[in-house]
Amino acid sequence: MYRKGSILLPILIVLFIISLLAVGGIFFLYQKERAQNITLQGQIVELDNLQRNTAGKLEESKKIATELSLKLQEAQSKMDSLSSELETEKSAHAQTSNKLEQFQQDLLNQKSLREDLENRLNQVQNDGNQIKEQLKIMQQQKAALEEKIKNLEAGSNGVELGKVVVNPELPQPASGTVLDQPKPANNNAQDTKASKAAAKESPRLAKGIEGKVMIVNKEFNFVVINLGSKDKISVGDEFLVSRSGEPVGDIKVEKVHEAMSAAGFVVGLKDLIKENDLVTQKIK
């Protein structure tokens, strides 16, 4: 019995030591697991904070994206509006170009007609000069004949001769011509003097609507002004052209459209009128 007790005691001691080691190991593992749990909980808290921060930044990003989307839509709308205005301007420019081409064609036709009339006028003036020369010769012949008659009356020895009156008939012009009062041909000096005289008289005229010179065509002697039928301008209206308050010369409307008109000028003003000059309607 004593021997059994001596054997069981070491076994019990060993078992007790093993139990202590097991309890120590379990406690160590528990402490380690607890430390890991605490670490994981800290990481979970950090992740929660990070997630909340990320969610806040995401919301801010969504707001910014929404604002940028609205701004993009506004910019697109403005671009569409500008594109529409640009198309309208292009259409208006095309219409203006077409009208200017029509102006040039019409004025070219008028230039041709004016040259034809000038040729006819020159022909009539030449015919008038020839008639004047013939009349001068016939007047000389008349004077010589009257002188001979006076000499015959003086030496007739009492024979009275009736008074002879020579009335030469003017020669008729060639068929197809019209005799008018001769007009002097235009030249630069006369045109310049006439324009200066008209410019001096213009301050005594009442002033009408004002505009400006858009285009100067020196080849066909006309200008395009920014006044038309919408401004109650009509063919034959006269305008005074001035620059910096000083008169330049006069122009006369020959063709009228809705928003612009073409006006002719004398040759002497070709190098005087410039674009953007002021035009003032002359009202007598």
C-alpha atoms as a PDB file:
ATOM      1  CA  MET A   1       0.000   0.000   0.000  1.00  0.00           C
ATOM      2  CA  TYR A   2       2.778   2.297   0.859  1.00  0.00           C
ATOM      3  CA  ARG A   3       4.465   1.296  -2.313  1.00  0.00           C
ATOM      4  CA  LYS A   4       1.443   2.157  -4.401  1.00  0.00           C
ATOM      5  CA  GLY A   5       1.303   5.532  -2.723  1.00  0.00           C
ATOM      6  CA  SER A   6       4.928   6.184  -3.515  1.00  0.00           C
ATOM      7  CA  ILE A   7       4.283   5.418  -7.170  1.00  0.00           C
ATOM      8  CA  LEU A   8       1.114   7.489  -7.440  1.00  0.00           C
ATOM      9  CA  LEU A   9       2.681  10.558  -5.882  1.00  0.00           C
ATOM     10  CA  PRO A  10       5.214  11.178  -8.654  1.00  0.00           C
ATOM     11  CA  ILE A  11       2.517  10.479 -11.180  1.00  0.00           C
ATOM     12  CA  LEU A  12       0.261  12.989  -9.515  1.00  0.00           C
ATOM     13  CA  ILE A  13       3.097  15.467  -9.351  1.00  0.00           C
ATOM     14  CA  VAL A  14       3.806  14.954 -13.032  1.00  0.00           C
ATOM     15  CA  LEU A  15       0.118  15.314 -13.844  1.00  0.00           C
ATOM     16  CA  PHE A  16      -0.044  18.436 -11.734  1.00  0.00           C
ATOM     17  CA  ILE A  17       2.963  19.902 -13.523  1.00  0.00           C
ATOM     18  CA  ILE A  18       1.465  18.954 -16.844  1.00  0.00           C
ATOM     19  CA  SER A  19      -1.813  20.580 -15.787  1.00  0.00           C
ATOM     20  CA  LEU A  20       0.055  23.734 -14.753  1.00  0.00           C
ATOM     21  CA  LEU A  21       1.898  23.789 -18.069  1.00  0.00           C
ATOM     22  CA  ALA A  22      -1.382  23.238 -19.918  1.00  0.00           C
ATOM     23  CA  VAL A  23      -3.082  25.987 -17.920  1.00  0.00           C
ATOM     24  CA  GLY A  24      -0.078  28.256 -18.523  1.00  0.00           C
ATOM     25  CA  GLY A  25      -0.130  27.445 -22.217  1.00  0.00           C
ATOM     26  CA  ILE A  26      -3.837  28.022 -22.424  1.00  0.00           C
ATOM     27  CA  PHE A  27      -3.480  31.325 -20.551  1.00  0.00           C
ATOM     28  CA  PHE A  28      -0.647  32.361 -22.850  1.00  0.00           C
ATOM     29  CA  LEU A  29      -2.690  31.489 -25.901  1.00  0.00           C
ATOM     30  CA  TYR A  30      -5.654  33.341 -24.415  1.00  0.00           C
ATOM     31  CA  GLN A  31      -3.563  36.431 -23.800  1.00  0.00           C
ATOM     32  CA  LYS A  32      -2.132  36.202 -27.292  1.00  0.00           C
ATOM     33  CA  GLU A  33      -5.572  35.761 -28.818  1.00  0.00           C
ATOM     34  CA  ARG A  34      -6.859  38.656 -26.747  1.00  0.00           C
ATOM     35  CA  ALA A  35      -4.022  40.867 -27.932  1.00  0.00           C
ATOM     36  CA  GLN A  36      -4.774  39.886 -31.512  1.00  0.00           C
ATOM     37  CA  ASN A  37      -8.455  40.614 -30.958  1.00  0.00           C
ATOM     38  CA  ILE A  38      -7.601  44.035 -29.550  1.00  0.00           C
ATOM     39  CA  THR A  39      -5.319  44.682 -32.540  1.00  0.00           C
ATOM     40  CA  LEU A  40      -8.026  43.521 -34.952  1.00  0.00           C
ATOM     41  CA  GLN A  41     -10.626  45.665 -33.237  1.00  0.00           C
ATOM     42  CA  GLY A  42      -8.299  48.676 -33.577  1.00  0.00           C
ATOM     43  CA  GLN A  43      -7.819  47.862 -37.245  1.00  0.00           C
ATOM     44  CA  ILE A  44     -11.583  47.458 -37.671  1.00  0.00           C
ATOM     45  CA  VAL A  45     -12.111  50.901 -36.073  1.00  0.00           C
ATOM     46  CA  GLU A  46      -9.467  52.388 -38.368  1.00  0.00           C
ATOM     47  CA  LEU A  47     -11.105  50.686 -41.343  1.00  0.00           C
ATOM     48  CA  ASP A  48     -14.505  52.055 -40.255  1.00  0.00           C
ATOM     49  CA  ASN A  49     -13.014  55.547 -39.993  1.00  0.00           C
ATOM     50  CA  LEU A  50     -11.291  55.108 -43.330  1.00  0.00           C
ATOM     51  CA  GLN A  51     -14.513  53.850 -44.862  1.00  0.00           C
ATOM     52  CA  ARG A  52     -16.453  56.836 -43.492  1.00  0.00           C
ATOM     53  CA  ASN A  53     -13.777  59.226 -44.807  1.00  0.00           C
ATOM     54  CA  THR A  54     -13.840  57.467 -48.172  1.00  0.00           C
ATOM     55  CA  ALA A  55     -17.648  57.634 -48.235  1.00  0.00           C
ATOM     56  CA  GLY A  56     -17.484  61.387 -47.466  1.00  0.00           C
ATOM     57  CA  LYS A  57     -14.927  61.950 -50.202  1.00  0.00           C
ATOM     58  CA  LEU A  58     -17.057  59.883 -52.567  1.00  0.00           C
ATOM     59  CA  GLU A  59     -20.083  62.069 -51.801  1.00  0.00           C
ATOM     60  CA  GLU A  60     -17.988  65.188 -52.405  1.00  0.00           C
ATOM     61  CA  SER A  61     -16.716  63.675 -55.644  1.00  0.00           C
ATOM     62  CA  LYS A  62     -20.313  62.948 -56.686  1.00  0.00           C
ATOM     63  CA  LYS A  63     -21.304  66.553 -55.938  1.00  0.00           C
ATOM     64  CA  ILE A  64     -18.323  67.865 -57.899  1.00  0.00           C
ATOM     65  CA  ALA A  65     -19.139  65.504 -60.760  1.00  0.00           C
ATOM     66  CA  THR A  66     -22.764  66.749 -60.735  1.00  0.00           C
ATOM     67  CA  GLU A  67     -21.641  70.391 -60.772  1.00  0.00           C
ATOM     68  CA  LEU A  68     -19.184  69.696 -63.587  1.00  0.00           C
ATOM     69  CA  SER A  69     -21.932  67.924 -65.520  1.00  0.00           C
ATOM     70  CA  LEU A  70     -24.227  70.957 -65.140  1.00  0.00           C
ATOM     71  CA  LYS A  71     -21.433  73.307 -66.215  1.00  0.00           C
ATOM     72  CA  LEU A  72     -20.722  71.057 -69.185  1.00  0.00           C
ATOM     73  CA  GLN A  73     -24.371  71.168 -70.187  1.00  0.00           C
ATOM     74  CA  GLU A  74     -24.389  74.973 -69.874  1.00  0.00           C
ATOM     75  CA  ALA A  75     -21.205  75.200 -71.952  1.00  0.00           C
ATOM     76  CA  GLN A  76     -22.727  72.892 -74.562  1.00  0.00           C
ATOM     77  CA  SER A  77     -25.870  75.026 -74.641  1.00  0.00           C
ATOM     78  CA  LYS A  78     -23.771  78.182 -75.100  1.00  0.00           C
ATOM     79  CA  MET A  79     -21.789  76.503 -77.875  1.00  0.00           C
ATOM     80  CA  ASP A  80     -25.025  75.518 -79.617  1.00  0.00           C
ATOM     81  CA  SER A  81     -26.296  79.102 -79.300  1.00  0.00           C
ATOM     82  CA  LEU A  82     -23.020  80.524 -80.633  1.00  0.00           C
ATOM     83  CA  SER A  83     -23.079  78.038 -83.503  1.00  0.00           C
ATOM     84  CA  SER A  84     -26.610  79.121 -84.368  1.00  0.00           C
ATOM     85  CA  GLU A  85     -25.592  82.800 -84.257  1.00  0.00           C
ATOM     86  CA  LEU A  86     -22.553  82.034 -86.399  1.00  0.00           C
ATOM     87  CA  GLU A  87     -24.735  80.320 -88.992  1.00  0.00           C
ATOM     88  CA  THR A  88     -27.057  83.331 -88.963  1.00  0.00           C
ATOM     89  CA  GLU A  89     -24.109  85.692 -89.446  1.00  0.00           C
ATOM     90  CA  LYS A  90     -22.798  83.550 -92.282  1.00  0.00           C
ATOM     91  CA  SER A  91     -26.205  83.618 -93.954  1.00  0.00           C
ATOM     92  CA  ALA A  92     -26.438  87.406 -93.531  1.00  0.00           C
ATOM     93  CA  HIS A  93     -22.897  87.817 -94.893  1.00  0.00           C
ATOM     94  CA  ALA A  94     -23.756  85.657 -97.901  1.00  0.00           C
ATOM     95  CA  GLN A  95     -26.872  87.739 -98.561  1.00  0.00           C
ATOM     96  CA  THR A  96     -24.843  90.949 -98.262  1.00  0.00           C
ATOM     97  CA  SER A  97     -22.228  89.572-100.673  1.00  0.00           C
ATOM     98  CA  ASN A  98     -24.955  88.662-103.150  1.00  0.00           C
ATOM     99  CA  LYS A  99     -26.450  92.141-102.870  1.00  0.00           C
ATOM    100  CA  LEU A 100     -23.026  93.734-103.390  1.00  0.00           C
ATOM    101  CA  GLU A 101     -22.472  91.595-106.472  1.00  0.00           C
ATOM    102  CA  GLN A 102     -25.881  92.663-107.720  1.00  0.00           C
ATOM    103  CA  PHE A 103     -24.918  96.284-107.009  1.00  0.00           C
ATOM    104  CA  GLN A 104     -21.737  95.915-109.015  1.00  0.00           C
ATOM    105  CA  GLN A 105     -23.560  94.264-111.914  1.00  0.00           C
ATOM    106  CA  ASP A 106     -26.267  96.955-111.930  1.00  0.00           C
ATOM    107  CA  LEU A 107     -23.694  99.730-111.742  1.00  0.00           C
ATOM    108  CA  LEU A 108     -21.683  98.080-114.502  1.00  0.00           C
ATOM    109  CA  ASN A 109     -24.798  98.160-116.675  1.00  0.00           C
ATOM    110  CA  GLN A 110     -25.371 101.803-115.749  1.00  0.00           C
ATOM    111  CA  LYS A 111     -21.729 102.553-116.544  1.00  0.00           C
ATOM    112  CA  SER A 112     -22.163 101.039-119.990  1.00  0.00           C
ATOM    113  CA  LEU A 113     -25.390 103.009-120.491  1.00  0.00           C
ATOM    114  CA  ARG A 114     -23.687 106.208-119.331  1.00  0.00           C
ATOM    115  CA  GLU A 115     -20.801 105.661-121.743  1.00  0.00           C
ATOM    116  CA  ASP A 116     -23.300 105.161-124.571  1.00  0.00           C
ATOM    117  CA  LEU A 117     -25.062 108.393-123.630  1.00  0.00           C
ATOM    118  CA  GLU A 118     -21.728 110.225-123.407  1.00  0.00           C
ATOM    119  CA  ASN A 119     -20.813 108.980-126.885  1.00  0.00           C
ATOM    120  CA  ARG A 120     -24.147 110.239-128.208  1.00  0.00           C
ATOM    121  CA  LEU A 121     -23.634 113.548-126.429  1.00  0.00           C
ATOM    122  CA  ASN A 122     -20.161 113.886-127.953  1.00  0.00           C
ATOM    123  CA  GLN A 123     -21.636 113.177-131.381  1.00  0.00           C
ATOM    124  CA  VAL A 124     -24.323 115.838-130.823  1.00  0.00           C
ATOM    125  CA  GLN A 125     -21.671 118.300-129.647  1.00  0.00           C
ATOM    126  CA  ASN A 126     -19.566 117.589-132.740  1.00  0.00           C
ATOM    127  CA  ASP A 127     -22.633 118.156-134.923  1.00  0.00           C
ATOM    128  CA  GLY A 128     -23.287 121.412-133.052  1.00  0.00           C
ATOM    129  CA  ASN A 129     -19.701 122.551-133.592  1.00  0.00           C
ATOM    130  CA  GLN A 130     -19.989 121.804-137.300  1.00  0.00           C
ATOM    131  CA  ILE A 131     -23.232 123.787-137.465  1.00  0.00           C
ATOM    132  CA  LYS A 132     -21.552 126.688-135.677  1.00  0.00           C
ATOM    133  CA  GLU A 133     -18.695 126.624-138.201  1.00  0.00           C
ATOM    134  CA  GLN A 134     -21.144 126.566-141.128  1.00  0.00           C
ATOM    135  CA  LEU A 135     -23.146 129.402-139.555  1.00  0.00           C
ATOM    136  CA  LYS A 136     -19.969 131.435-139.111  1.00  0.00           C
ATOM    137  CA  ILE A 137     -19.036 130.934-142.783  1.00  0.00           C
ATOM    138  CA  MET A 138     -22.538 131.907-143.922  1.00  0.00           C
ATOM    139  CA  GLN A 139     -22.455 135.031-141.716  1.00  0.00           C
ATOM    140  CA  GLN A 140     -19.148 136.006-143.353  1.00  0.00           C
ATOM    141  CA  GLN A 141     -20.672 135.432-146.778  1.00  0.00           C
ATOM    142  CA  LYS A 142     -23.679 137.553-145.753  1.00  0.00           C
ATOM    143  CA  ALA A 143     -21.439 140.394-144.610  1.00  0.00           C
ATOM    144  CA  ALA A 144     -19.480 140.281-147.891  1.00  0.00           C
ATOM    145  CA  LEU A 145     -22.693 140.271-149.955  1.00  0.00           C
ATOM    146  CA  GLU A 146     -24.130 143.233-148.028  1.00  0.00           C
ATOM    147  CA  GLU A 147     -20.879 145.109-148.598  1.00  0.00           C
ATOM    148  CA  LYS A 148     -21.101 144.461-152.377  1.00  0.00           C
ATOM    149  CA  ILE A 149     -24.718 145.680-152.424  1.00  0.00           C
ATOM    150  CA  LYS A 150     -23.744 148.912-150.658  1.00  0.00           C
ATOM    151  CA  ASN A 151     -21.004 149.456-153.228  1.00  0.00           C
ATOM    152  CA  LEU A 152     -23.494 148.883-156.074  1.00  0.00           C
ATOM    153  CA  GLU A 153     -25.980 151.320-154.502  1.00  0.00           C
ATOM    154  CA  ALA A 154     -23.281 153.970-154.212  1.00  0.00           C
ATOM    155  CA  GLY A 155     -22.309 153.684-157.934  1.00  0.00           C
ATOM    156  CA  SER A 156     -25.758 153.158-159.504  1.00  0.00           C
ATOM    157  CA  ASN A 157     -26.188 156.839-160.806  1.00  0.00           C
ATOM    158  CA  GLY A 158     -29.613 157.351-159.324  1.00  0.00           C
ATOM    159  CA  VAL A 159     -30.877 153.874-159.823  1.00  0.00           C
ATOM    160  CA  GLU A 160     -32.189 152.844-156.448  1.00  0.00           C
ATOM    161  CA  LEU A 161     -31.781 149.234-155.577  1.00  0.00           C
ATOM    162  CA  GLY A 162     -33.949 147.583-153.021  1.00  0.00           C
ATOM    163  CA  LYS A 163     -32.342 146.652-149.751  1.00  0.00           C
ATOM    164  CA  VAL A 164     -31.261 143.051-149.830  1.00  0.00           C
ATOM    165  CA  VAL A 165     -31.400 141.049-146.606  1.00  0.00           C
ATOM    166  CA  VAL A 166     -29.664 137.712-146.487  1.00  0.00           C
ATOM    167  CA  ASN A 167     -31.199 135.266-143.976  1.00  0.00           C
ATOM    168  CA  PRO A 168     -29.273 132.015-144.266  1.00  0.00           C
ATOM    169  CA  GLU A 169     -31.053 128.932-143.103  1.00  0.00           C
ATOM    170  CA  LEU A 170     -29.340 126.802-140.539  1.00  0.00           C
ATOM    171  CA  PRO A 171     -28.349 123.392-141.861  1.00  0.00           C
ATOM    172  CA  GLN A 172     -30.268 120.477-140.399  1.00  0.00           C
ATOM    173  CA  PRO A 173     -28.427 117.821-138.382  1.00  0.00           C
ATOM    174  CA  ALA A 174     -27.984 114.315-139.617  1.00  0.00           C
ATOM    175  CA  SER A 175     -30.874 111.917-139.056  1.00  0.00           C
ATOM    176  CA  GLY A 176     -30.843 110.048-135.734  1.00  0.00           C
ATOM    177  CA  THR A 177     -29.304 112.957-133.728  1.00  0.00           C
ATOM    178  CA  VAL A 178     -31.005 115.314-131.311  1.00  0.00           C
ATOM    179  CA  LEU A 179     -29.935 118.969-130.979  1.00  0.00           C
ATOM    180  CA  ASP A 180     -29.898 120.175-127.406  1.00  0.00           C
ATOM    181  CA  GLN A 181     -28.095 123.026-125.843  1.00  0.00           C
ATOM    182  CA  PRO A 182     -24.392 122.017-125.953  1.00  0.00           C
ATOM    183  CA  LYS A 183     -23.029 120.891-122.635  1.00  0.00           C
ATOM    184  CA  PRO A 184     -19.304 121.068-121.850  1.00  0.00           C
ATOM    185  CA  ALA A 185     -17.595 117.730-121.419  1.00  0.00           C
ATOM    186  CA  ASN A 186     -16.763 116.778-117.851  1.00  0.00           C
ATOM    187  CA  ASN A 187     -13.157 116.756-116.770  1.00  0.00           C
ATOM    188  CA  ASN A 188     -11.333 116.395-113.493  1.00  0.00           C
ATOM    189  CA  ALA A 189     -10.713 120.119-112.960  1.00  0.00           C
ATOM    190  CA  GLN A 190     -14.346 121.095-113.661  1.00  0.00           C
ATOM    191  CA  ASP A 191     -15.662 118.238-111.516  1.00  0.00           C
ATOM    192  CA  THR A 192     -13.382 119.233-108.650  1.00  0.00           C
ATOM    193  CA  LYS A 193     -14.476 122.896-108.893  1.00  0.00           C
ATOM    194  CA  ALA A 194     -18.139 121.869-109.010  1.00  0.00           C
ATOM    195  CA  SER A 195     -17.748 119.567-106.011  1.00  0.00           C
ATOM    196  CA  LYS A 196     -15.966 122.311-104.036  1.00  0.00           C
ATOM    197  CA  ALA A 197     -18.666 124.823-104.933  1.00  0.00           C
ATOM    198  CA  ALA A 198     -21.381 122.367-103.878  1.00  0.00           C
ATOM    199  CA  ALA A 199     -19.489 121.683-100.651  1.00  0.00           C
ATOM    200  CA  LYS A 200     -19.365 125.443 -99.917  1.00  0.00           C
ATOM    201  CA  GLU A 201     -23.101 125.764-100.528  1.00  0.00           C
ATOM    202  CA  SER A 202     -23.999 122.674 -98.513  1.00  0.00           C
ATOM    203  CA  PRO A 203     -23.887 124.368 -95.047  1.00  0.00           C
ATOM    204  CA  ARG A 204     -26.883 126.460 -96.180  1.00  0.00           C
ATOM    205  CA  LEU A 205     -28.900 123.251 -96.733  1.00  0.00           C
ATOM    206  CA  ALA A 206     -30.977 121.563 -94.051  1.00  0.00           C
ATOM    207  CA  LYS A 207     -29.471 118.292 -92.796  1.00  0.00           C
ATOM    208  CA  GLY A 208     -31.274 114.974 -93.050  1.00  0.00           C
ATOM    209  CA  ILE A 209     -30.358 111.461 -91.985  1.00  0.00           C
ATOM    210  CA  GLU A 210     -26.674 110.599 -91.487  1.00  0.00           C
ATOM    211  CA  GLY A 211     -24.738 107.473 -92.426  1.00  0.00           C
ATOM    212  CA  LYS A 212     -21.295 106.448 -93.595  1.00  0.00           C
ATOM    213  CA  VAL A 213     -19.442 105.235 -96.673  1.00  0.00           C
ATOM    214  CA  MET A 214     -19.013 101.438 -96.708  1.00  0.00           C
ATOM    215  CA  ILE A 215     -17.279 100.850-100.068  1.00  0.00           C
ATOM    216  CA  VAL A 216     -15.577 103.149-102.582  1.00  0.00           C
ATOM    217  CA  ASN A 217     -15.399 101.879-106.183  1.00  0.00           C
ATOM    218  CA  LYS A 218     -12.941 104.093-108.066  1.00  0.00           C
ATOM    219  CA  GLU A 219     -13.265 102.104-111.288  1.00  0.00           C
ATOM    220  CA  PHE A 220     -16.952 102.903-111.811  1.00  0.00           C
ATOM    221  CA  ASN A 221     -17.117 106.104-109.693  1.00  0.00           C
ATOM    222  CA  PHE A 222     -19.634 105.053-107.057  1.00  0.00           C
ATOM    223  CA  VAL A 223     -19.861 104.454-103.328  1.00  0.00           C
ATOM    224  CA  VAL A 224     -22.029 102.160-101.210  1.00  0.00           C
ATOM    225  CA  ILE A 225     -23.551 103.773 -98.092  1.00  0.00           C
ATOM    226  CA  ASN A 226     -25.248 102.084 -95.127  1.00  0.00           C
ATOM    227  CA  LEU A 227     -28.631 103.746 -95.771  1.00  0.00           C
ATOM    228  CA  GLY A 228     -31.463 102.236 -97.796  1.00  0.00           C
ATOM    229  CA  SER A 229     -35.203 102.043 -98.309  1.00  0.00           C
ATOM    230  CA  LYS A 230     -35.708 101.220 -94.623  1.00  0.00           C
ATOM    231  CA  ASP A 231     -34.250 104.698 -93.921  1.00  0.00           C
ATOM    232  CA  LYS A 232     -36.662 106.252 -96.498  1.00  0.00           C
ATOM    233  CA  ILE A 233     -33.868 106.824 -99.012  1.00  0.00           C
ATOM    234  CA  SER A 234     -34.890 107.046-102.673  1.00  0.00           C
ATOM    235  CA  VAL A 235     -33.178 107.380-106.049  1.00  0.00           C
ATOM    236  CA  GLY A 236     -32.042 110.953-106.702  1.00  0.00           C
ATOM    237  CA  ASP A 237     -31.362 111.865-103.069  1.00  0.00           C
ATOM    238  CA  GLU A 238     -28.180 113.869-102.603  1.00  0.00           C
ATOM    239  CA  PHE A 239     -25.724 113.534 -99.720  1.00  0.00           C
ATOM    240  CA  LEU A 240     -22.825 115.635 -98.515  1.00  0.00           C
ATOM    241  CA  VAL A 241     -19.656 113.628 -97.799  1.00  0.00           C
ATOM    242  CA  SER A 242     -17.515 115.001 -94.966  1.00  0.00           C
ATOM    243  CA  ARG A 243     -14.546 113.921 -92.859  1.00  0.00           C
ATOM    244  CA  SER A 244     -13.634 115.344 -89.427  1.00  0.00           C
ATOM    245  CA  GLY A 245     -16.176 118.130 -89.935  1.00  0.00           C
ATOM    246  CA  GLU A 246     -14.696 119.195 -93.307  1.00  0.00           C
ATOM    247  CA  PRO A 247     -16.789 118.773 -96.497  1.00  0.00           C
ATOM    248  CA  VAL A 248     -15.383 116.487 -99.192  1.00  0.00           C
ATOM    249  CA  GLY A 249     -18.026 116.621-101.922  1.00  0.00           C
ATOM    250  CA  ASP A 250     -21.515 115.548-102.998  1.00  0.00           C
ATOM    251  CA  ILE A 251     -22.908 112.182-104.092  1.00  0.00           C
ATOM    252  CA  LYS A 252     -26.241 111.260-105.681  1.00  0.00           C
ATOM    253  CA  VAL A 253     -28.167 108.019-105.051  1.00  0.00           C
ATOM    254  CA  GLU A 254     -28.566 105.848-108.162  1.00  0.00           C
ATOM    255  CA  LYS A 255     -29.668 102.492-106.728  1.00  0.00           C
ATOM    256  CA  VAL A 256     -31.546 101.703-103.499  1.00  0.00           C
ATOM    257  CA  HIS A 257     -31.841  98.442-101.575  1.00  0.00           C
ATOM    258  CA  GLU A 258     -33.306  97.757 -98.149  1.00  0.00           C
ATOM    259  CA  ALA A 259     -30.247  98.389 -95.977  1.00  0.00           C
ATOM    260  CA  MET A 260     -27.791 100.072 -98.379  1.00  0.00           C
ATOM    261  CA  SER A 261     -27.629 102.307-101.443  1.00  0.00           C
ATOM    262  CA  ALA A 262     -25.250 103.043-104.297  1.00  0.00           C
ATOM    263  CA  ALA A 263     -24.453 106.667-105.089  1.00  0.00           C
ATOM    264  CA  GLY A 264     -22.423 108.082-107.958  1.00  0.00           C
ATOM    265  CA  PHE A 265     -19.921 110.907-107.781  1.00  0.00           C
ATOM    266  CA  VAL A 266     -17.969 113.083-110.210  1.00  0.00           C
ATOM    267  CA  VAL A 267     -14.551 111.942-111.353  1.00  0.00           C
ATOM    268  CA  GLY A 268     -12.811 114.687-109.365  1.00  0.00           C
ATOM    269  CA  LEU A 269     -13.846 113.038-106.079  1.00  0.00           C
ATOM    270  CA  LYS A 270     -12.336 109.655-106.967  1.00  0.00           C
ATOM    271  CA  ASP A 271      -9.248 110.135-104.798  1.00  0.00           C
ATOM    272  CA  LEU A 272     -10.960 112.257-102.112  1.00  0.00           C
ATOM    273  CA  ILE A 273     -13.787 110.031-100.823  1.00  0.00           C
ATOM    274  CA  LYS A 274     -12.701 107.292 -98.433  1.00  0.00           C
ATOM    275  CA  GLU A 275     -14.399 104.482 -96.522  1.00  0.00           C
ATOM    276  CA  ASN A 276     -16.058 105.435 -93.187  1.00  0.00           C
ATOM    277  CA  ASP A 277     -16.543 109.039 -94.352  1.00  0.00           C
ATOM    278  CA  LEU A 278     -19.705 110.662 -92.938  1.00  0.00           C
ATOM    279  CA  VAL A 279     -22.631 111.174 -95.349  1.00  0.00           C
ATOM    280  CA  THR A 280     -25.427 113.673 -94.550  1.00  0.00           C
ATOM    281  CA  GLN A 281     -28.656 113.871 -96.557  1.00  0.00           C
ATOM    282  CA  LYS A 282     -29.184 117.258 -98.208  1.00  0.00           C
ATOM    283  CA  ILE A 283     -32.711 118.627 -97.827  1.00  0.00           C
ATOM    284  CA  LYS A 284     -33.373 121.936 -99.574  1.00  0.00           C
END
